[in-house]
Amino acid sequence: MIKVTILSTGNGNCSLTGRETEGLTISFEDGTLRDSFLSWKGFRQLLALKTGQGKPTPKLAPASANP
């Protein structure tokens, strides 16, 4: 579970890209970001990365090992 607090929305400089854009200022409860402005795209990308954390990656057998 990811807990995030949205502090505000509007325009600002994205913490990831440094570009002026529309987005939101957020804080994650786990402390990875605090009072940081992200573009909407950056926010979605960061959420995707965070939801992928902790999940085991499947181990695939080499193609030659499969009959």
C-alpha atoms as a PDB file:
ATOM      1  CA  MET A   1       0.000   0.000   0.000  1.00  0.00           C
ATOM      2  CA  ILE A   2       1.237   3.464  -0.885  1.00  0.00           C
ATOM      3  CA  LYS A   3       0.136   6.397   1.247  1.00  0.00           C
ATOM      4  CA  VAL A   4       0.462   9.811  -0.340  1.00  0.00           C
ATOM      5  CA  THR A   5      -0.743  13.226   0.752  1.00  0.00           C
ATOM      6  CA  ILE A   6      -1.664  15.726  -1.945  1.00  0.00           C
ATOM      7  CA  LEU A   7      -0.846  19.147  -0.587  1.00  0.00           C
ATOM      8  CA  SER A   8      -1.820  21.258  -3.603  1.00  0.00           C
ATOM      9  CA  THR A   9      -2.254  21.309  -7.369  1.00  0.00           C
ATOM     10  CA  GLY A  10      -1.243  23.909  -9.915  1.00  0.00           C
ATOM     11  CA  ASN A  11       1.868  24.957 -11.817  1.00  0.00           C
ATOM     12  CA  GLY A  12       5.485  24.653 -10.732  1.00  0.00           C
ATOM     13  CA  ASN A  13       8.894  23.189 -11.476  1.00  0.00           C
ATOM     14  CA  CYS A  14       8.800  19.392 -11.534  1.00  0.00           C
ATOM     15  CA  SER A  15      11.251  17.866  -9.050  1.00  0.00           C
ATOM     16  CA  LEU A  16      12.088  15.117 -11.549  1.00  0.00           C
ATOM     17  CA  THR A  17      12.547  17.118 -14.753  1.00  0.00           C
ATOM     18  CA  GLY A  18      13.051  20.686 -13.567  1.00  0.00           C
ATOM     19  CA  ARG A  19      10.508  21.855 -16.149  1.00  0.00           C
ATOM     20  CA  GLU A  20       7.661  24.291 -15.518  1.00  0.00           C
ATOM     21  CA  THR A  21       4.432  22.307 -15.833  1.00  0.00           C
ATOM     22  CA  GLU A  22       1.030  21.517 -14.337  1.00  0.00           C
ATOM     23  CA  GLY A  23       1.075  19.035 -11.502  1.00  0.00           C
ATOM     24  CA  LEU A  24       0.781  18.557  -7.776  1.00  0.00           C
ATOM     25  CA  THR A  25       2.735  18.946  -4.566  1.00  0.00           C
ATOM     26  CA  ILE A  26       2.868  15.695  -2.608  1.00  0.00           C
ATOM     27  CA  SER A  27       4.429  13.891   0.328  1.00  0.00           C
ATOM     28  CA  PHE A  28       4.786  10.118   0.620  1.00  0.00           C
ATOM     29  CA  GLU A  29       4.273   8.673   4.085  1.00  0.00           C
ATOM     30  CA  ASP A  30       7.425   6.544   3.668  1.00  0.00           C
ATOM     31  CA  GLY A  31       9.468   9.755   3.385  1.00  0.00           C
ATOM     32  CA  THR A  32      10.746   9.251  -0.170  1.00  0.00           C
ATOM     33  CA  LEU A  33       9.317  12.669  -1.106  1.00  0.00           C
ATOM     34  CA  ARG A  34       8.193  15.491   1.138  1.00  0.00           C
ATOM     35  CA  ASP A  35       6.479  18.660  -0.064  1.00  0.00           C
ATOM     36  CA  SER A  36       7.713  17.994  -3.612  1.00  0.00           C
ATOM     37  CA  PHE A  37       6.126  19.249  -6.812  1.00  0.00           C
ATOM     38  CA  LEU A  38       5.723  16.703  -9.613  1.00  0.00           C
ATOM     39  CA  SER A  39       4.168  16.932 -13.035  1.00  0.00           C
ATOM     40  CA  TRP A  40       1.107  14.748 -13.485  1.00  0.00           C
ATOM     41  CA  LYS A  41       3.154  12.492 -15.761  1.00  0.00           C
ATOM     42  CA  GLY A  42       6.006  12.315 -13.252  1.00  0.00           C
ATOM     43  CA  PHE A  43       3.561  11.473 -10.471  1.00  0.00           C
ATOM     44  CA  ARG A  44       2.061   8.603 -12.494  1.00  0.00           C
ATOM     45  CA  GLN A  45       5.543   7.300 -13.372  1.00  0.00           C
ATOM     46  CA  LEU A  46       6.679   7.440  -9.759  1.00  0.00           C
ATOM     47  CA  LEU A  47       3.559   5.600  -8.601  1.00  0.00           C
ATOM     48  CA  ALA A  48       4.199   2.904 -11.207  1.00  0.00           C
ATOM     49  CA  LEU A  49       7.762   2.491  -9.949  1.00  0.00           C
ATOM     50  CA  LYS A  50       6.691   2.386  -6.320  1.00  0.00           C
ATOM     51  CA  THR A  51       3.967  -0.198  -6.929  1.00  0.00           C
ATOM     52  CA  GLY A  52       6.525  -2.403  -8.674  1.00  0.00           C
ATOM     53  CA  GLN A  53       8.888  -2.347  -5.677  1.00  0.00           C
ATOM     54  CA  GLY A  54       9.025  -5.463  -3.562  1.00  0.00           C
ATOM     55  CA  LYS A  55       7.488  -7.721  -6.157  1.00  0.00           C
ATOM     56  CA  PRO A  56       9.661 -10.688  -7.086  1.00  0.00           C
ATOM     57  CA  THR A  57      10.767 -10.767 -10.677  1.00  0.00           C
ATOM     58  CA  PRO A  58       9.948 -14.047 -12.371  1.00  0.00           C
ATOM     59  CA  LYS A  59      12.944 -16.202 -13.213  1.00  0.00           C
ATOM     60  CA  LEU A  60      12.820 -17.562 -16.710  1.00  0.00           C
ATOM     61  CA  ALA A  61      14.598 -20.720 -17.768  1.00  0.00           C
ATOM     62  CA  PRO A  62      16.916 -20.431 -20.760  1.00  0.00           C
ATOM     63  CA  ALA A  63      15.202 -21.339 -24.038  1.00  0.00           C
ATOM     64  CA  SER A  64      17.547 -24.314 -24.488  1.00  0.00           C
ATOM     65  CA  ALA A  65      16.356 -25.797 -21.177  1.00  0.00           C
ATOM     66  CA  ASN A  66      12.757 -26.079 -22.388  1.00  0.00           C
ATOM     67  CA  PRO A  67      11.955 -29.292 -24.327  1.00  0.00           C
END
